[in-house]
N, C-alpha and C. Protein backbone atom coordinates (compact mmCIF):
# COMPACT_ATOMS: atom_id res chain seq x y z
N MET A 1 1.05 -1.01 0.36
CA MET A 1 -0.04 -0.20 -0.12
C MET A 1 1.06 1.38 0.19
N LYS A 2 -0.05 2.26 -0.77
CA LYS A 2 1.54 3.76 -0.97
C LYS A 2 0.82 4.19 0.41
N GLU A 3 1.64 5.23 0.38
CA GLU A 3 2.06 6.23 1.94
C GLU A 3 1.56 7.59 1.18
N HIS A 4 0.07 7.70 2.04
CA HIS A 4 -0.82 9.25 1.65
C HIS A 4 0.09 10.09 1.66
N LYS A 5 0.56 10.79 1.12
CA LYS A 5 1.23 12.22 1.36
C LYS A 5 0.35 13.59 1.00
N GLY A 6 -1.11 13.70 0.97
CA GLY A 6 -1.44 15.09 1.09
C GLY A 6 -1.78 15.02 -0.14
N MET A 7 -2.74 16.07 -0.23
CA MET A 7 -3.37 16.22 -1.57
C MET A 7 -2.17 17.74 -2.15
N ARG A 8 -2.00 17.90 -3.00
CA ARG A 8 -0.77 19.23 -3.43
C ARG A 8 -2.04 20.00 -4.89
N PRO A 9 -1.91 21.41 -5.08
CA PRO A 9 -2.53 22.38 -5.86
C PRO A 9 -2.81 22.10 -7.13
N GLN A 10 -1.46 21.38 -7.75
CA GLN A 10 -1.55 20.40 -9.31
C GLN A 10 -2.55 19.32 -8.97
N ASP A 11 -2.70 18.87 -8.22
CA ASP A 11 -3.85 17.68 -7.96
C ASP A 11 -5.37 18.39 -8.65
N ILE A 12 -5.25 19.51 -8.02
CA ILE A 12 -6.62 19.85 -8.78
C ILE A 12 -6.56 20.40 -10.10
N VAL A 13 -5.89 21.28 -10.37
CA VAL A 13 -5.76 21.35 -12.15
C VAL A 13 -5.93 19.89 -12.60
N ILE A 14 -4.98 19.12 -12.59
CA ILE A 14 -5.45 17.73 -13.06
C ILE A 14 -6.70 17.37 -13.21
N LEU A 15 -7.46 16.97 -11.87
CA LEU A 15 -8.88 16.52 -11.98
C LEU A 15 -9.59 16.64 -13.12
N LEU A 16 -9.63 18.52 -12.92
CA LEU A 16 -10.12 19.50 -13.33
C LEU A 16 -10.05 19.47 -15.28
N LYS A 17 -8.98 18.60 -15.49
CA LYS A 17 -8.66 18.44 -17.04
C LYS A 17 -8.82 16.89 -17.04
N LEU A 18 -8.75 15.85 -16.30
CA LEU A 18 -9.64 14.77 -16.45
C LEU A 18 -10.95 14.76 -16.87
N ILE A 19 -11.34 15.66 -16.04
CA ILE A 19 -13.20 15.73 -16.00
C ILE A 19 -13.27 16.89 -17.78
N ILE A 20 -13.01 17.88 -17.90
CA ILE A 20 -12.60 17.98 -19.26
C ILE A 20 -12.62 17.27 -20.52
N ASP A 21 -11.75 16.68 -20.16
CA ASP A 21 -11.04 15.45 -21.45
C ASP A 21 -11.79 13.93 -21.29
N ALA A 22 -13.01 13.96 -20.33
CA ALA A 22 -13.38 12.22 -19.88
C ALA A 22 -14.50 11.71 -21.02
N ASP A 23 -14.09 12.54 -22.33
CA ASP A 23 -14.57 11.55 -23.25
C ASP A 23 -13.34 11.40 -24.24
N GLN A 24 -12.29 11.13 -23.64
CA GLN A 24 -10.73 10.75 -24.42
C GLN A 24 -10.56 10.09 -24.13
N GLU A 25 -9.19 9.29 -24.57
CA GLU A 25 -8.34 8.29 -23.90
C GLU A 25 -6.87 9.50 -23.29
N ILE A 26 -7.13 9.01 -22.31
CA ILE A 26 -6.07 9.66 -20.90
C ILE A 26 -4.26 9.17 -20.89
N ARG A 27 -4.07 9.63 -21.56
CA ARG A 27 -2.58 9.26 -21.66
C ARG A 27 -1.88 10.53 -20.57
N ILE A 28 -0.62 10.02 -20.05
CA ILE A 28 0.16 10.88 -19.16
C ILE A 28 0.54 12.13 -19.58
N LYS A 29 1.06 11.76 -20.98
CA LYS A 29 1.90 12.25 -21.50
C LYS A 29 1.19 13.40 -22.52
N ASP A 30 -0.32 13.25 -22.70
CA ASP A 30 -1.10 14.09 -23.08
C ASP A 30 -1.34 14.99 -21.84
N LEU A 31 -1.58 15.06 -20.62
CA LEU A 31 -1.75 15.12 -19.80
C LEU A 31 -1.04 16.37 -19.33
N SER A 32 0.39 16.31 -19.72
CA SER A 32 1.31 16.69 -19.55
C SER A 32 1.80 18.09 -20.71
N SER A 33 1.89 17.73 -21.62
CA SER A 33 1.66 18.73 -22.60
C SER A 33 1.15 19.82 -22.64
N LYS A 34 -0.91 19.25 -22.04
CA LYS A 34 -1.57 20.13 -22.12
C LYS A 34 -1.49 20.78 -21.33
N LEU A 35 -1.02 20.15 -19.71
CA LEU A 35 -1.03 21.04 -18.56
C LEU A 35 0.32 22.02 -17.88
N PHE A 36 1.61 21.42 -19.15
CA PHE A 36 2.29 21.99 -18.65
C PHE A 36 3.37 21.77 -17.59
N ILE A 37 3.06 20.16 -17.38
CA ILE A 37 3.42 19.75 -16.08
C ILE A 37 3.92 18.21 -16.29
N SER A 38 5.00 17.94 -14.95
CA SER A 38 6.31 16.88 -15.53
C SER A 38 5.25 15.83 -15.29
N GLY A 39 5.65 14.56 -16.96
CA GLY A 39 4.97 13.29 -16.55
C GLY A 39 5.30 12.74 -15.31
N SER A 40 6.09 12.30 -14.65
CA SER A 40 6.10 11.88 -13.18
C SER A 40 5.21 12.84 -11.81
N GLU A 41 5.06 14.00 -12.78
CA GLU A 41 4.41 15.09 -10.87
C GLU A 41 2.84 14.34 -11.84
N ILE A 42 2.35 14.16 -12.90
CA ILE A 42 1.24 13.97 -13.53
C ILE A 42 0.75 12.24 -13.08
N SER A 43 1.84 11.89 -12.79
CA SER A 43 1.69 10.01 -12.16
C SER A 43 1.50 10.01 -10.46
N GLU A 44 2.53 10.69 -9.73
CA GLU A 44 2.26 11.40 -8.95
C GLU A 44 0.96 11.66 -8.67
N SER A 45 0.12 12.42 -9.00
CA SER A 45 -0.81 12.93 -8.43
C SER A 45 -1.91 12.26 -8.70
N LEU A 46 -1.97 11.26 -10.22
CA LEU A 46 -2.75 9.90 -10.37
C LEU A 46 -3.00 9.45 -9.03
N ASN A 47 -2.01 9.25 -8.17
CA ASN A 47 -1.45 8.15 -7.42
C ASN A 47 -2.05 8.86 -6.08
N ARG A 48 -1.99 10.13 -5.74
CA ARG A 48 -2.39 10.76 -4.75
C ARG A 48 -3.68 10.40 -4.71
N SER A 49 -4.30 11.10 -5.87
CA SER A 49 -6.16 11.52 -6.22
C SER A 49 -6.65 9.74 -6.11
N ALA A 50 -6.50 8.85 -6.18
CA ALA A 50 -6.67 7.42 -6.34
C ALA A 50 -6.01 6.90 -5.14
N ILE A 51 -5.32 7.27 -4.45
CA ILE A 51 -5.05 6.59 -2.52
C ILE A 51 -6.44 7.95 -1.92
N ALA A 52 -6.73 8.80 -2.15
CA ALA A 52 -7.97 9.85 -1.79
C ALA A 52 -9.30 9.26 -2.14
N ARG A 53 -9.42 8.46 -2.99
CA ARG A 53 -10.50 8.30 -3.49
C ARG A 53 -11.50 9.04 -4.64
N LEU A 54 -10.35 9.97 -5.13
CA LEU A 54 -11.44 10.88 -6.31
C LEU A 54 -11.55 10.63 -7.50
N ILE A 55 -10.17 9.69 -8.16
CA ILE A 55 -10.03 9.17 -9.42
C ILE A 55 -10.41 7.08 -8.90
N ASP A 56 -11.34 6.42 -9.94
CA ASP A 56 -10.86 5.66 -10.36
C ASP A 56 -9.48 4.90 -10.79
N PRO A 57 -8.88 4.10 -9.75
CA PRO A 57 -7.16 3.98 -10.69
C PRO A 57 -6.73 3.52 -11.94
N ALA A 58 -8.03 2.13 -12.27
CA ALA A 58 -7.43 1.51 -13.55
C ALA A 58 -8.38 2.32 -14.68
N THR A 59 -9.37 3.28 -14.64
CA THR A 59 -9.94 4.05 -15.77
C THR A 59 -9.70 5.68 -15.55
N ARG A 60 -9.23 6.27 -14.34
CA ARG A 60 -8.59 7.53 -14.62
C ARG A 60 -9.96 8.13 -14.37
N VAL A 61 -11.43 7.80 -14.58
CA VAL A 61 -12.26 8.52 -13.91
C VAL A 61 -12.53 9.06 -12.72
N VAL A 62 -12.80 10.59 -12.66
CA VAL A 62 -13.16 11.30 -11.98
C VAL A 62 -14.17 10.99 -10.57
N ASN A 63 -14.02 10.76 -9.57
CA ASN A 63 -15.10 10.51 -8.84
C ASN A 63 -15.71 12.24 -8.75
N LYS A 64 -16.84 12.67 -9.34
CA LYS A 64 -16.94 13.85 -9.47
C LYS A 64 -17.34 14.40 -8.00
N GLU A 65 -18.84 13.69 -7.86
CA GLU A 65 -19.64 13.73 -6.48
C GLU A 65 -18.50 14.28 -5.35
N ALA A 66 -17.22 12.89 -5.33
CA ALA A 66 -16.19 13.50 -3.77
C ALA A 66 -15.55 14.98 -4.34
N PHE A 67 -15.02 14.50 -5.60
CA PHE A 67 -14.51 15.73 -6.15
C PHE A 67 -15.16 17.12 -5.71
N LEU A 68 -16.30 17.07 -6.05
CA LEU A 68 -17.03 18.78 -5.62
C LEU A 68 -17.13 19.15 -4.07
N LYS A 69 -17.32 17.81 -3.62
CA LYS A 69 -17.15 17.86 -2.48
C LYS A 69 -16.05 18.75 -1.66
N PHE A 70 -14.74 17.72 -2.12
CA PHE A 70 -13.57 18.45 -1.31
C PHE A 70 -13.37 19.77 -2.37
N LEU A 71 -14.24 20.66 -3.61
CA LEU A 71 -13.59 21.75 -3.55
C LEU A 71 -14.86 22.28 -3.05
N GLU A 72 -15.54 22.04 -2.54
CA GLU A 72 -16.36 22.53 -1.73
C GLU A 72 -15.99 23.51 -0.45
N TYR A 73 -15.92 22.42 0.26
CA TYR A 73 -15.38 22.25 1.38
C TYR A 73 -14.37 22.47 2.24
N GLY A 74 -12.97 22.01 0.81
CA GLY A 74 -11.72 21.61 1.44
C GLY A 74 -10.72 22.77 1.20
N LEU A 75 -11.28 22.77 -0.26
CA LEU A 75 -10.40 23.77 -1.07
C LEU A 75 -9.89 25.17 -0.41
N PRO A 76 -11.04 25.53 -0.19
CA PRO A 76 -10.64 27.27 0.65
C PRO A 76 -9.62 27.07 1.80
N TYR A 77 -9.65 25.85 2.27
CA TYR A 77 -8.77 25.57 3.43
C TYR A 77 -7.18 24.92 3.59
N VAL A 78 -7.64 24.16 2.30
CA VAL A 78 -6.25 23.48 1.87
C VAL A 78 -5.39 24.12 1.27
N PHE A 79 -6.17 25.28 -0.35
CA PHE A 79 -5.23 25.84 -0.57
C PHE A 79 -5.64 26.96 -0.60
N PRO A 80 -6.18 28.24 0.41
CA PRO A 80 -6.59 29.19 0.22
C PRO A 80 -5.75 30.20 -0.39
N ALA A 81 -6.17 31.15 -0.91
CA ALA A 81 -5.67 32.12 -2.07
C ALA A 81 -5.23 33.57 -1.09
N GLN A 82 -4.61 34.15 -1.22
CA GLN A 82 -4.18 35.25 -0.95
C GLN A 82 -4.14 36.64 -1.66
N LEU A 83 -4.22 37.51 -0.87
CA LEU A 83 -4.18 38.67 -2.06
C LEU A 83 -2.85 39.47 -2.13
N GLY A 84 -2.58 39.72 -3.13
CA GLY A 84 -0.87 40.16 -3.27
C GLY A 84 -0.96 41.66 -4.01
N PRO A 85 -0.07 42.15 -4.38
CA PRO A 85 -0.02 43.27 -5.29
C PRO A 85 -0.55 43.18 -6.55
N VAL A 86 -0.67 44.63 -7.06
CA VAL A 86 -1.59 44.35 -8.04
C VAL A 86 -0.16 43.90 -9.01
N MET A 87 -0.46 43.83 -10.32
CA MET A 87 0.41 43.34 -11.02
C MET A 87 -0.06 43.09 -12.52
N GLN A 88 0.16 43.12 -13.79
CA GLN A 88 0.35 42.74 -14.94
C GLN A 88 -0.27 41.21 -14.98
N GLY A 89 -1.19 40.64 -15.82
CA GLY A 89 -2.06 38.99 -15.51
C GLY A 89 -2.73 38.67 -16.48
N LEU A 90 -3.47 37.80 -16.03
CA LEU A 90 -4.54 37.00 -16.61
C LEU A 90 -5.30 37.10 -15.57
N PHE A 91 -6.80 37.97 -16.56
CA PHE A 91 -8.23 37.72 -15.29
C PHE A 91 -8.72 36.34 -14.70
N THR A 92 -8.76 36.18 -12.96
CA THR A 92 -9.05 34.93 -12.79
C THR A 92 -10.59 35.57 -11.56
N ALA A 93 -10.91 34.18 -11.03
CA ALA A 93 -12.29 34.19 -10.28
C ALA A 93 -13.01 35.06 -10.71
N HIS A 94 -13.75 36.09 -10.00
CA HIS A 94 -15.14 36.85 -10.60
C HIS A 94 -14.19 37.97 -11.95
N SER A 95 -13.47 37.90 -12.02
CA SER A 95 -12.55 39.30 -12.86
C SER A 95 -12.78 38.22 -14.35
N GLU A 96 -12.92 37.19 -14.34
CA GLU A 96 -12.66 36.07 -15.87
C GLU A 96 -13.85 36.43 -16.21
N SER A 97 -13.85 36.77 -17.80
CA SER A 97 -14.82 37.41 -18.86
C SER A 97 -16.01 36.58 -18.93
N SER A 98 -16.52 35.15 -18.81
CA SER A 98 -17.09 34.50 -19.00
C SER A 98 -18.14 34.25 -17.31
N LEU A 99 -17.46 34.73 -16.53
CA LEU A 99 -17.76 34.75 -15.03
C LEU A 99 -18.18 36.50 -14.51
N TYR A 100 -17.82 37.18 -15.04
CA TYR A 100 -17.48 38.55 -14.61
C TYR A 100 -19.21 39.50 -14.08
N LEU A 101 -20.25 39.02 -15.34
CA LEU A 101 -21.65 39.36 -15.32
C LEU A 101 -21.89 39.01 -13.94
N SER A 102 -21.45 37.21 -13.49
CA SER A 102 -22.60 36.33 -12.77
C SER A 102 -22.44 36.78 -10.89
N PHE A 103 -21.08 37.97 -10.65
CA PHE A 103 -20.60 37.61 -9.42
C PHE A 103 -20.36 39.59 -9.48
N SER A 104 -20.49 39.66 -7.82
CA SER A 104 -20.73 41.28 -7.45
C SER A 104 -19.72 42.11 -7.25
N SER A 105 -18.65 41.33 -7.15
CA SER A 105 -16.96 41.83 -6.91
C SER A 105 -16.55 42.76 -7.66
N GLU A 106 -16.50 43.95 -7.79
CA GLU A 106 -15.92 45.28 -8.47
C GLU A 106 -14.28 45.02 -8.75
N GLU A 107 -13.76 44.29 -7.44
CA GLU A 107 -12.35 44.25 -7.34
C GLU A 107 -11.91 42.99 -8.97
N LYS A 108 -10.51 43.70 -9.54
CA LYS A 108 -10.44 43.04 -10.48
C LYS A 108 -9.07 41.84 -9.56
N LEU A 109 -8.71 40.48 -9.97
CA LEU A 109 -8.22 39.88 -9.62
C LEU A 109 -7.24 39.38 -10.71
N VAL A 110 -5.85 39.04 -10.34
CA VAL A 110 -5.30 37.97 -11.84
C VAL A 110 -4.56 37.16 -11.24
N TRP A 111 -3.49 36.61 -12.14
CA TRP A 111 -2.96 35.35 -12.14
C TRP A 111 -1.75 36.44 -12.64
N ALA A 112 -0.44 36.64 -11.75
CA ALA A 112 0.83 37.25 -12.29
C ALA A 112 1.12 36.16 -13.46
N ASP A 113 1.18 37.30 -14.51
CA ASP A 113 1.56 36.41 -15.97
C ASP A 113 2.28 37.63 -16.72
N GLU A 114 3.49 37.31 -17.63
CA GLU A 114 4.71 38.30 -17.92
C GLU A 114 3.20 38.82 -19.31
N PHE A 115 2.58 37.87 -19.39
CA PHE A 115 2.44 38.11 -21.00
C PHE A 115 0.53 38.52 -21.35
N GLY A 116 0.22 38.58 -19.55
CA GLY A 116 -1.14 38.96 -19.85
C GLY A 116 -1.38 40.57 -20.42
N LYS A 117 -2.42 40.95 -19.96
CA LYS A 117 -2.89 42.33 -20.80
C LYS A 117 -3.34 42.87 -19.75
N GLU A 118 -3.72 42.78 -18.69
CA GLU A 118 -4.77 42.79 -17.39
C GLU A 118 -3.84 43.41 -16.56
N ARG A 119 -4.69 44.22 -15.92
CA ARG A 119 -4.30 44.35 -14.13
C ARG A 119 -4.93 44.74 -13.09
N GLY A 120 -4.73 44.11 -11.88
CA GLY A 120 -5.67 44.06 -11.00
C GLY A 120 -4.66 43.36 -9.80
N GLN A 121 -5.54 42.85 -8.54
CA GLN A 121 -4.60 42.55 -7.28
C GLN A 121 -4.41 40.92 -7.48
N SER A 122 -3.02 40.56 -7.45
CA SER A 122 -2.72 39.52 -7.92
C SER A 122 -3.40 38.16 -6.73
N ILE A 123 -3.60 37.14 -7.14
CA ILE A 123 -3.34 35.82 -6.08
C ILE A 123 -3.08 34.69 -6.78
N LEU A 124 -1.45 33.92 -6.10
CA LEU A 124 -1.21 32.68 -6.90
C LEU A 124 -2.28 31.78 -7.50
N PRO A 125 -2.01 31.24 -8.42
CA PRO A 125 -2.30 30.28 -9.56
C PRO A 125 -2.54 28.88 -8.51
N LEU A 126 -3.37 28.09 -8.35
CA LEU A 126 -3.35 26.37 -8.20
C LEU A 126 -1.84 25.86 -8.17
N TYR A 127 -1.12 26.20 -9.57
CA TYR A 127 0.15 25.73 -10.14
C TYR A 127 1.03 26.75 -10.85
N PRO A 128 1.87 27.50 -11.05
CA PRO A 128 2.34 28.43 -11.90
C PRO A 128 2.02 27.90 -13.19
N THR A 129 2.13 26.54 -13.79
CA THR A 129 1.93 26.71 -15.27
C THR A 129 0.46 27.07 -16.00
N VAL A 130 -0.58 27.45 -14.88
CA VAL A 130 -1.81 27.44 -15.31
C VAL A 130 -1.88 28.29 -16.24
N SER A 131 -1.48 29.35 -16.35
CA SER A 131 -1.75 30.18 -17.07
C SER A 131 -1.31 30.26 -18.77
N LYS A 132 -0.44 29.14 -18.54
CA LYS A 132 -0.21 28.94 -20.03
C LYS A 132 -0.94 27.74 -20.87
N ALA A 133 -1.74 26.93 -19.54
CA ALA A 133 -2.98 25.91 -19.80
C ALA A 133 -3.57 26.54 -20.28
N VAL A 134 -4.19 27.26 -19.46
CA VAL A 134 -5.45 27.84 -19.97
C VAL A 134 -5.78 28.77 -20.98
N ARG A 135 -4.52 29.33 -21.91
CA ARG A 135 -4.76 29.73 -23.15
C ARG A 135 -4.79 28.89 -24.51
N LYS A 136 -4.41 27.38 -23.50
CA LYS A 136 -4.61 26.45 -24.95
C LYS A 136 -6.51 26.06 -24.58
N ASP A 137 -7.15 26.30 -23.46
CA ASP A 137 -8.04 25.91 -22.66
C ASP A 137 -8.90 26.75 -22.29
N ARG A 138 -10.12 26.95 -22.65
CA ARG A 138 -11.33 28.02 -22.32
C ARG A 138 -11.68 27.72 -20.82
N LEU A 139 -12.06 26.04 -21.32
CA LEU A 139 -13.34 25.57 -19.75
C LEU A 139 -12.01 25.17 -19.02
N LEU A 140 -11.28 24.72 -19.18
CA LEU A 140 -10.35 24.53 -18.03
C LEU A 140 -9.70 25.85 -17.39
N TYR A 141 -9.77 26.94 -18.26
CA TYR A 141 -9.86 28.21 -17.76
C TYR A 141 -11.00 28.63 -16.54
N LYS A 142 -12.25 28.91 -16.94
CA LYS A 142 -13.40 28.63 -16.76
C LYS A 142 -13.50 28.17 -15.15
N LEU A 143 -13.10 26.90 -14.88
CA LEU A 143 -13.47 26.26 -14.22
C LEU A 143 -11.91 26.56 -12.77
N LEU A 144 -10.74 26.97 -13.42
CA LEU A 144 -10.34 27.64 -12.47
C LEU A 144 -10.22 28.46 -11.64
N ALA A 145 -11.01 29.72 -12.43
CA ALA A 145 -11.86 31.09 -12.11
C ALA A 145 -12.29 30.59 -10.99
N LEU A 146 -13.57 29.39 -11.48
CA LEU A 146 -14.38 29.20 -10.34
C LEU A 146 -13.65 28.48 -9.20
N CYS A 147 -12.95 27.93 -9.14
CA CYS A 147 -11.93 27.94 -7.74
C CYS A 147 -11.29 28.33 -7.07
N ASP A 148 -10.31 29.52 -8.09
CA ASP A 148 -10.15 30.79 -7.15
C ASP A 148 -11.59 31.54 -6.42
N ILE A 149 -12.77 31.55 -7.05
CA ILE A 149 -13.64 31.88 -6.24
C ILE A 149 -14.10 31.38 -5.13
N ILE A 150 -14.37 29.89 -4.89
CA ILE A 150 -14.11 29.36 -4.06
C ILE A 150 -12.88 29.96 -2.56
N ARG A 151 -11.70 29.88 -3.31
CA ARG A 151 -10.67 30.49 -2.91
C ARG A 151 -10.95 31.69 -1.87
N ILE A 152 -11.40 32.59 -2.04
CA ILE A 152 -11.40 33.81 -1.26
C ILE A 152 -12.53 34.81 -2.07
N GLY A 153 -13.62 33.82 -2.22
CA GLY A 153 -14.57 34.61 -2.44
C GLY A 153 -15.92 34.84 -1.07
N ASP A 154 -16.61 35.19 -0.88
CA ASP A 154 -17.76 35.48 0.29
C ASP A 154 -18.86 34.26 0.36
N ALA A 155 -19.18 34.21 0.77
CA ALA A 155 -20.59 32.56 1.35
C ALA A 155 -21.22 32.79 -0.13
N ALA A 156 -21.63 33.78 -0.40
CA ALA A 156 -23.03 33.46 -1.84
C ALA A 156 -22.09 33.29 -3.08
N ASP A 157 -20.90 34.16 -3.46
CA ASP A 157 -20.20 33.70 -4.62
C ASP A 157 -19.53 32.42 -4.13
N LYS A 158 -19.16 32.03 -3.57
CA LYS A 158 -18.75 30.58 -2.90
C LYS A 158 -19.96 29.44 -3.68
N ASN A 159 -20.71 29.95 -2.98
CA ASN A 159 -22.03 28.93 -3.23
C ASN A 159 -22.29 28.79 -4.72
N LYS A 160 -22.60 30.27 -5.69
CA LYS A 160 -22.10 30.80 -7.12
C LYS A 160 -21.68 29.53 -8.09
N ALA A 161 -20.56 29.93 -7.49
CA ALA A 161 -19.20 28.98 -8.10
C ALA A 161 -19.26 27.76 -7.71
N VAL A 162 -19.47 27.33 -6.74
CA VAL A 162 -20.18 25.58 -6.53
C VAL A 162 -21.06 24.72 -7.35
N TRP A 163 -21.85 25.78 -7.56
CA TRP A 163 -23.47 25.43 -8.03
C TRP A 163 -22.76 25.20 -10.11
N GLN A 164 -21.74 26.49 -10.34
CA GLN A 164 -21.52 26.44 -11.52
C GLN A 164 -20.50 25.18 -12.00
N LEU A 165 -19.61 25.17 -11.26
CA LEU A 165 -18.59 23.75 -11.29
C LEU A 165 -19.60 22.27 -11.05
N ARG A 166 -20.50 22.34 -10.35
CA ARG A 166 -21.32 21.39 -10.39
C ARG A 166 -21.80 20.68 -11.97
N GLU A 167 -22.61 22.06 -12.52
CA GLU A 167 -23.12 21.90 -13.78
C GLU A 167 -22.34 21.39 -14.38
N ILE A 168 -20.96 22.14 -14.75
CA ILE A 168 -20.24 22.06 -15.80
C ILE A 168 -19.89 20.84 -15.93
N CYS A 169 -19.29 20.26 -14.27
CA CYS A 169 -19.17 18.50 -14.19
C CYS A 169 -19.73 17.49 -14.21
N HIS A 170 -21.12 18.00 -13.99
CA HIS A 170 -22.19 16.59 -14.22
C HIS A 170 -22.19 16.43 -16.10
N ALA A 171 -22.04 17.97 -16.54
CA ALA A 171 -22.35 17.94 -18.33
C ALA A 171 -21.40 17.53 -19.05
N ARG A 172 -20.53 16.88 -18.16
CA ARG A 172 -19.13 16.10 -18.92
C ARG A 172 -18.76 14.74 -18.77
N GLY A 173 -19.42 13.70 -19.15
CA GLY A 173 -19.63 12.67 -19.08
C GLY A 173 -19.89 12.17 -17.77
N PRO A 174 -20.04 10.75 -17.11
CA PRO A 174 -20.10 9.97 -16.66
C PRO A 174 -20.09 10.80 -14.88
N VAL A 175 -21.19 10.42 -13.79
CA VAL A 175 -20.90 11.35 -12.70
C VAL A 175 -20.45 10.21 -11.82
């Protein structure tokens, strides 16, 4: 039996990508190239997620209900977001363009990124390569922005974000 060393932030990114790509054959090298995370880190993440019963180790199908509960109740405590200085970057949380009208905050939040064209108060993304990965995957961008709302938002915004995550995840393949 493998020792469980606890979840890491990249596990959230990888599990979200597994949900997005649920209708495709899932290979470590493909996840690695899409997420800019090394193959060994992907493999270790899949092992941690299997031990935590968040994926089926044989099929790599995400246990969506367990994962959504973890996002709702665990994410803001295990991987909280802290506000940093105003920087150039990519909008996240309620500032992301597809979410902007659904949430109440006027504050602009960004992941610091040298190629980003927006300015706002920075928060660290769940994993450093997120800004590269979301440029190629609009849905991953939206899901990670919703996760940032859970990490930093007020109770009403967190509830809305969880609801949207649930809707999107359940629309993507088996529950």
